[in-house]
Amino acid sequence: MTEPVPTPEKQWDSVDYVAFQARPEFRELKHRFRSFVFPLAVAFMLWFLLYVVLAAYAHDLMATPMLGLNVGLWFGLAQFITTFAITMAYVRVANRRLDPRTAALRAELEAMEEEGTR
């Protein structure tokens, strides 16, 4: 006799995802992610807002020549540079600190799901 194939509803009921999210390893992963991403996002938004406010209200400052370009263009170029720097920093942190923990938790969760479908 063959075993019945579990339905998706039955498979999802077999693992307590809320309890898994409450585990210290999962909570620590969320904390690491948020403690890196949120401050960096706030800092970048403030930096971008400074650029927009200066462009809107400090025309003389932004039009001041500096090293062959005006200050406004240097600020604009700095926006691109900081965007790339933030992206590279996130990739580095994710590869070194977040992804290994995420992979371990995923493997554990998949094993729990596999056991629940038997």
N, C-alpha and C. Protein backbone atom coordinates (compact mmCIF):
# COMPACT_ATOMS: atom_id res chain seq x y z
N MET A 1 0.85 -1.17 0.00
CA MET A 1 0.00 0.00 0.00
C MET A 1 0.89 1.23 0.00
N THR A 2 0.55 2.22 -0.79
CA THR A 2 1.35 3.44 -0.85
C THR A 2 0.85 4.44 0.16
N GLU A 3 1.80 5.23 0.64
CA GLU A 3 1.44 6.29 1.61
C GLU A 3 0.81 7.45 0.87
N PRO A 4 -0.17 8.08 1.47
CA PRO A 4 -0.77 9.24 0.79
C PRO A 4 0.21 10.40 0.77
N VAL A 5 0.17 11.12 -0.33
CA VAL A 5 1.02 12.30 -0.48
C VAL A 5 0.41 13.41 0.36
N PRO A 6 1.21 14.03 1.23
CA PRO A 6 0.64 15.09 2.07
C PRO A 6 0.24 16.30 1.25
N THR A 7 -0.85 16.88 1.62
CA THR A 7 -1.29 18.11 0.96
C THR A 7 -0.48 19.26 1.50
N PRO A 8 -0.39 20.36 0.76
CA PRO A 8 0.37 21.51 1.26
C PRO A 8 -0.13 21.98 2.62
N GLU A 9 -1.44 21.94 2.86
CA GLU A 9 -1.96 22.37 4.15
C GLU A 9 -1.42 21.48 5.27
N LYS A 10 -1.36 20.20 5.00
CA LYS A 10 -0.85 19.27 6.01
C LYS A 10 0.63 19.51 6.27
N GLN A 11 1.37 19.77 5.20
CA GLN A 11 2.81 20.01 5.35
C GLN A 11 3.04 21.26 6.19
N TRP A 12 2.31 22.33 5.96
CA TRP A 12 2.52 23.57 6.70
C TRP A 12 2.13 23.41 8.16
N ASP A 13 1.15 22.57 8.43
CA ASP A 13 0.73 22.36 9.81
C ASP A 13 1.75 21.55 10.61
N SER A 14 2.67 20.88 9.94
CA SER A 14 3.59 20.00 10.64
C SER A 14 4.73 20.73 11.34
N VAL A 15 4.99 21.96 10.98
CA VAL A 15 6.08 22.73 11.58
C VAL A 15 5.49 23.96 12.26
N ASP A 16 5.94 24.22 13.46
CA ASP A 16 5.49 25.40 14.20
C ASP A 16 6.42 26.56 13.85
N TYR A 17 6.03 27.34 12.85
CA TYR A 17 6.88 28.42 12.36
C TYR A 17 7.00 29.56 13.37
N VAL A 18 5.95 29.79 14.12
CA VAL A 18 6.00 30.85 15.13
C VAL A 18 7.04 30.48 16.20
N ALA A 19 7.05 29.23 16.61
CA ALA A 19 8.04 28.78 17.59
C ALA A 19 9.45 28.85 17.00
N PHE A 20 9.57 28.52 15.71
CA PHE A 20 10.88 28.60 15.06
C PHE A 20 11.38 30.04 15.03
N GLN A 21 10.49 30.98 14.76
CA GLN A 21 10.87 32.39 14.74
C GLN A 21 11.24 32.91 16.12
N ALA A 22 10.73 32.28 17.15
CA ALA A 22 11.02 32.70 18.53
C ALA A 22 12.35 32.14 19.04
N ARG A 23 12.97 31.25 18.29
CA ARG A 23 14.24 30.66 18.72
C ARG A 23 15.34 31.71 18.79
N PRO A 24 16.26 31.55 19.71
CA PRO A 24 17.35 32.55 19.87
C PRO A 24 18.19 32.71 18.61
N GLU A 25 18.43 31.63 17.87
CA GLU A 25 19.25 31.73 16.66
C GLU A 25 18.57 32.59 15.61
N PHE A 26 17.27 32.41 15.46
CA PHE A 26 16.52 33.19 14.47
C PHE A 26 16.44 34.66 14.90
N ARG A 27 16.17 34.87 16.18
CA ARG A 27 16.07 36.24 16.69
C ARG A 27 17.41 36.96 16.56
N GLU A 28 18.51 36.25 16.80
CA GLU A 28 19.84 36.85 16.69
C GLU A 28 20.15 37.21 15.24
N LEU A 29 19.71 36.37 14.30
CA LEU A 29 19.90 36.66 12.88
C LEU A 29 19.12 37.92 12.50
N LYS A 30 17.88 38.01 12.93
CA LYS A 30 17.08 39.21 12.66
C LYS A 30 17.74 40.45 13.27
N HIS A 31 18.26 40.29 14.49
CA HIS A 31 18.91 41.43 15.16
C HIS A 31 20.14 41.88 14.38
N ARG A 32 20.96 40.95 13.94
CA ARG A 32 22.15 41.30 13.16
C ARG A 32 21.78 42.02 11.87
N PHE A 33 20.76 41.50 11.19
CA PHE A 33 20.31 42.11 9.94
C PHE A 33 19.82 43.54 10.18
N ARG A 34 18.92 43.67 11.13
CA ARG A 34 18.32 44.98 11.40
C ARG A 34 19.34 45.98 11.95
N SER A 35 20.27 45.52 12.78
CA SER A 35 21.24 46.45 13.35
C SER A 35 22.22 46.96 12.30
N PHE A 36 22.33 46.28 11.19
CA PHE A 36 23.18 46.77 10.11
C PHE A 36 22.37 47.61 9.11
N VAL A 37 21.23 47.09 8.70
CA VAL A 37 20.48 47.71 7.61
C VAL A 37 19.79 49.01 8.03
N PHE A 38 19.11 49.03 9.15
CA PHE A 38 18.33 50.21 9.51
C PHE A 38 19.19 51.45 9.76
N PRO A 39 20.25 51.38 10.55
CA PRO A 39 21.07 52.60 10.71
C PRO A 39 21.69 53.08 9.40
N LEU A 40 22.12 52.15 8.58
CA LEU A 40 22.70 52.54 7.30
C LEU A 40 21.66 53.17 6.38
N ALA A 41 20.45 52.63 6.38
CA ALA A 41 19.38 53.20 5.56
C ALA A 41 19.01 54.61 6.05
N VAL A 42 18.93 54.79 7.36
CA VAL A 42 18.61 56.11 7.90
C VAL A 42 19.72 57.10 7.55
N ALA A 43 20.97 56.69 7.71
CA ALA A 43 22.09 57.58 7.39
C ALA A 43 22.07 57.97 5.92
N PHE A 44 21.81 57.01 5.05
CA PHE A 44 21.78 57.33 3.63
C PHE A 44 20.61 58.25 3.29
N MET A 45 19.46 58.02 3.89
CA MET A 45 18.31 58.89 3.61
C MET A 45 18.58 60.32 4.08
N LEU A 46 19.22 60.47 5.23
CA LEU A 46 19.57 61.81 5.71
C LEU A 46 20.58 62.47 4.77
N TRP A 47 21.55 61.70 4.31
CA TRP A 47 22.55 62.21 3.36
C TRP A 47 21.87 62.65 2.07
N PHE A 48 20.93 61.85 1.56
CA PHE A 48 20.21 62.21 0.35
C PHE A 48 19.32 63.43 0.58
N LEU A 49 18.67 63.48 1.73
CA LEU A 49 17.82 64.63 2.06
C LEU A 49 18.66 65.91 2.14
N LEU A 50 19.86 65.82 2.70
CA LEU A 50 20.76 66.97 2.73
C LEU A 50 21.05 67.46 1.32
N TYR A 51 21.32 66.55 0.42
CA TYR A 51 21.59 66.90 -0.97
C TYR A 51 20.39 67.61 -1.60
N VAL A 52 19.21 67.07 -1.39
CA VAL A 52 18.00 67.67 -1.96
C VAL A 52 17.74 69.06 -1.37
N VAL A 53 17.87 69.19 -0.06
CA VAL A 53 17.63 70.48 0.59
C VAL A 53 18.65 71.51 0.12
N LEU A 54 19.91 71.13 0.05
CA LEU A 54 20.93 72.07 -0.44
C LEU A 54 20.67 72.46 -1.90
N ALA A 55 20.25 71.50 -2.70
CA ALA A 55 19.97 71.81 -4.10
C ALA A 55 18.78 72.76 -4.23
N ALA A 56 17.82 72.63 -3.31
CA ALA A 56 16.62 73.46 -3.38
C ALA A 56 16.83 74.85 -2.78
N TYR A 57 17.63 74.94 -1.71
CA TYR A 57 17.69 76.21 -0.97
C TYR A 57 19.06 76.87 -0.93
N ALA A 58 20.11 76.17 -1.28
CA ALA A 58 21.45 76.76 -1.21
C ALA A 58 22.05 76.83 -2.61
N HIS A 59 21.39 77.58 -3.46
CA HIS A 59 21.83 77.67 -4.86
C HIS A 59 23.26 78.19 -4.98
N ASP A 60 23.59 79.20 -4.20
CA ASP A 60 24.93 79.78 -4.29
C ASP A 60 26.00 78.77 -3.89
N LEU A 61 25.75 78.04 -2.82
CA LEU A 61 26.71 77.02 -2.37
C LEU A 61 26.86 75.93 -3.43
N MET A 62 25.76 75.45 -3.94
CA MET A 62 25.82 74.36 -4.91
C MET A 62 26.43 74.80 -6.24
N ALA A 63 26.37 76.09 -6.54
CA ALA A 63 26.93 76.60 -7.79
C ALA A 63 28.40 77.00 -7.65
N THR A 64 28.95 76.91 -6.46
CA THR A 64 30.34 77.30 -6.23
C THR A 64 31.29 76.35 -6.97
N PRO A 65 32.19 76.89 -7.78
CA PRO A 65 33.14 76.02 -8.49
C PRO A 65 34.14 75.37 -7.52
N MET A 66 34.44 74.12 -7.80
CA MET A 66 35.41 73.38 -6.97
C MET A 66 36.03 72.28 -7.84
N LEU A 67 37.31 72.33 -8.04
CA LEU A 67 38.06 71.33 -8.79
C LEU A 67 37.47 71.06 -10.17
N GLY A 68 37.08 72.11 -10.85
CA GLY A 68 36.60 71.97 -12.22
C GLY A 68 35.10 71.72 -12.36
N LEU A 69 34.43 71.37 -11.29
CA LEU A 69 32.98 71.18 -11.30
C LEU A 69 32.39 72.02 -10.17
N ASN A 70 31.08 72.19 -10.20
CA ASN A 70 30.49 72.91 -9.08
C ASN A 70 30.17 71.95 -7.94
N VAL A 71 29.95 72.49 -6.76
CA VAL A 71 29.72 71.68 -5.56
C VAL A 71 28.52 70.76 -5.74
N GLY A 72 27.48 71.24 -6.41
CA GLY A 72 26.29 70.41 -6.63
C GLY A 72 26.60 69.14 -7.40
N LEU A 73 27.43 69.26 -8.42
CA LEU A 73 27.81 68.06 -9.18
C LEU A 73 28.65 67.11 -8.33
N TRP A 74 29.54 67.66 -7.51
CA TRP A 74 30.33 66.79 -6.62
C TRP A 74 29.43 66.06 -5.63
N PHE A 75 28.41 66.78 -5.10
CA PHE A 75 27.46 66.12 -4.21
C PHE A 75 26.72 65.00 -4.94
N GLY A 76 26.31 65.27 -6.17
CA GLY A 76 25.61 64.25 -6.96
C GLY A 76 26.47 63.03 -7.21
N LEU A 77 27.73 63.26 -7.55
CA LEU A 77 28.65 62.13 -7.74
C LEU A 77 28.87 61.36 -6.43
N ALA A 78 28.93 62.10 -5.34
CA ALA A 78 29.09 61.45 -4.04
C ALA A 78 27.89 60.57 -3.70
N GLN A 79 26.71 60.94 -4.18
CA GLN A 79 25.53 60.10 -3.97
C GLN A 79 25.72 58.74 -4.63
N PHE A 80 26.22 58.74 -5.87
CA PHE A 80 26.47 57.48 -6.56
C PHE A 80 27.54 56.66 -5.83
N ILE A 81 28.60 57.32 -5.44
CA ILE A 81 29.70 56.62 -4.77
C ILE A 81 29.22 55.99 -3.46
N THR A 82 28.46 56.74 -2.68
CA THR A 82 27.98 56.18 -1.41
C THR A 82 26.98 55.05 -1.64
N THR A 83 26.19 55.13 -2.70
CA THR A 83 25.27 54.03 -3.02
C THR A 83 26.05 52.75 -3.30
N PHE A 84 27.09 52.84 -4.10
CA PHE A 84 27.91 51.67 -4.39
C PHE A 84 28.64 51.18 -3.14
N ALA A 85 29.13 52.09 -2.33
CA ALA A 85 29.82 51.70 -1.10
C ALA A 85 28.88 50.98 -0.14
N ILE A 86 27.67 51.47 -0.01
CA ILE A 86 26.69 50.82 0.87
C ILE A 86 26.35 49.43 0.33
N THR A 87 26.18 49.32 -0.97
CA THR A 87 25.88 48.02 -1.57
C THR A 87 27.02 47.03 -1.32
N MET A 88 28.25 47.48 -1.52
CA MET A 88 29.40 46.59 -1.29
C MET A 88 29.50 46.20 0.19
N ALA A 89 29.23 47.14 1.08
CA ALA A 89 29.28 46.83 2.51
C ALA A 89 28.20 45.82 2.88
N TYR A 90 27.00 45.98 2.33
CA TYR A 90 25.94 45.03 2.64
C TYR A 90 26.28 43.64 2.12
N VAL A 91 26.80 43.56 0.91
CA VAL A 91 27.16 42.25 0.34
C VAL A 91 28.23 41.59 1.21
N ARG A 92 29.20 42.35 1.66
CA ARG A 92 30.25 41.80 2.51
C ARG A 92 29.68 41.28 3.83
N VAL A 93 28.84 42.08 4.47
CA VAL A 93 28.24 41.66 5.74
C VAL A 93 27.34 40.46 5.53
N ALA A 94 26.56 40.48 4.47
CA ALA A 94 25.66 39.35 4.20
C ALA A 94 26.45 38.08 3.95
N ASN A 95 27.49 38.16 3.15
CA ASN A 95 28.28 36.96 2.84
C ASN A 95 28.99 36.41 4.07
N ARG A 96 29.49 37.28 4.93
CA ARG A 96 30.28 36.83 6.07
C ARG A 96 29.46 36.48 7.30
N ARG A 97 28.42 37.26 7.58
CA ARG A 97 27.72 37.11 8.85
C ARG A 97 26.29 36.59 8.73
N LEU A 98 25.60 36.97 7.68
CA LEU A 98 24.18 36.62 7.59
C LEU A 98 23.93 35.32 6.83
N ASP A 99 24.54 35.16 5.68
CA ASP A 99 24.26 34.00 4.84
C ASP A 99 24.60 32.66 5.49
N PRO A 100 25.74 32.51 6.17
CA PRO A 100 26.00 31.22 6.81
C PRO A 100 24.94 30.85 7.86
N ARG A 101 24.51 31.81 8.64
CA ARG A 101 23.48 31.54 9.65
C ARG A 101 22.14 31.27 9.00
N THR A 102 21.85 32.00 7.95
CA THR A 102 20.60 31.78 7.23
C THR A 102 20.58 30.39 6.62
N ALA A 103 21.68 29.96 6.04
CA ALA A 103 21.76 28.63 5.43
C ALA A 103 21.57 27.54 6.48
N ALA A 104 22.18 27.72 7.64
CA ALA A 104 22.04 26.73 8.71
C ALA A 104 20.59 26.65 9.20
N LEU A 105 19.98 27.78 9.40
CA LEU A 105 18.58 27.79 9.85
C LEU A 105 17.66 27.22 8.77
N ARG A 106 17.93 27.54 7.52
CA ARG A 106 17.12 27.00 6.43
C ARG A 106 17.24 25.49 6.36
N ALA A 107 18.45 24.97 6.47
CA ALA A 107 18.64 23.52 6.43
C ALA A 107 17.89 22.85 7.58
N GLU A 108 17.96 23.45 8.75
CA GLU A 108 17.25 22.88 9.89
C GLU A 108 15.74 22.91 9.69
N LEU A 109 15.24 24.00 9.16
CA LEU A 109 13.81 24.13 8.92
C LEU A 109 13.36 23.16 7.84
N GLU A 110 14.14 23.00 6.79
CA GLU A 110 13.79 22.05 5.74
C GLU A 110 13.79 20.62 6.26
N ALA A 111 14.72 20.31 7.17
CA ALA A 111 14.72 18.98 7.77
C ALA A 111 13.47 18.78 8.63
N MET A 112 13.07 19.80 9.34
CA MET A 112 11.84 19.71 10.14
C MET A 112 10.62 19.52 9.23
N GLU A 113 10.59 20.23 8.13
CA GLU A 113 9.48 20.09 7.17
C GLU A 113 9.47 18.70 6.57
N GLU A 114 10.64 18.20 6.25
CA GLU A 114 10.75 16.85 5.67
C GLU A 114 10.23 15.80 6.65
N GLU A 115 10.60 15.95 7.91
CA GLU A 115 10.12 15.01 8.93
C GLU A 115 8.62 15.11 9.12
N GLY A 116 8.10 16.34 8.98
CA GLY A 116 6.66 16.54 9.17
C GLY A 116 5.83 15.96 8.05
N THR A 117 6.41 15.78 6.85
CA THR A 117 5.64 15.24 5.73
C THR A 117 5.63 13.73 5.72
N ARG A 118 6.42 13.10 6.58
CA ARG A 118 6.45 11.62 6.61
C ARG A 118 5.33 11.06 7.43
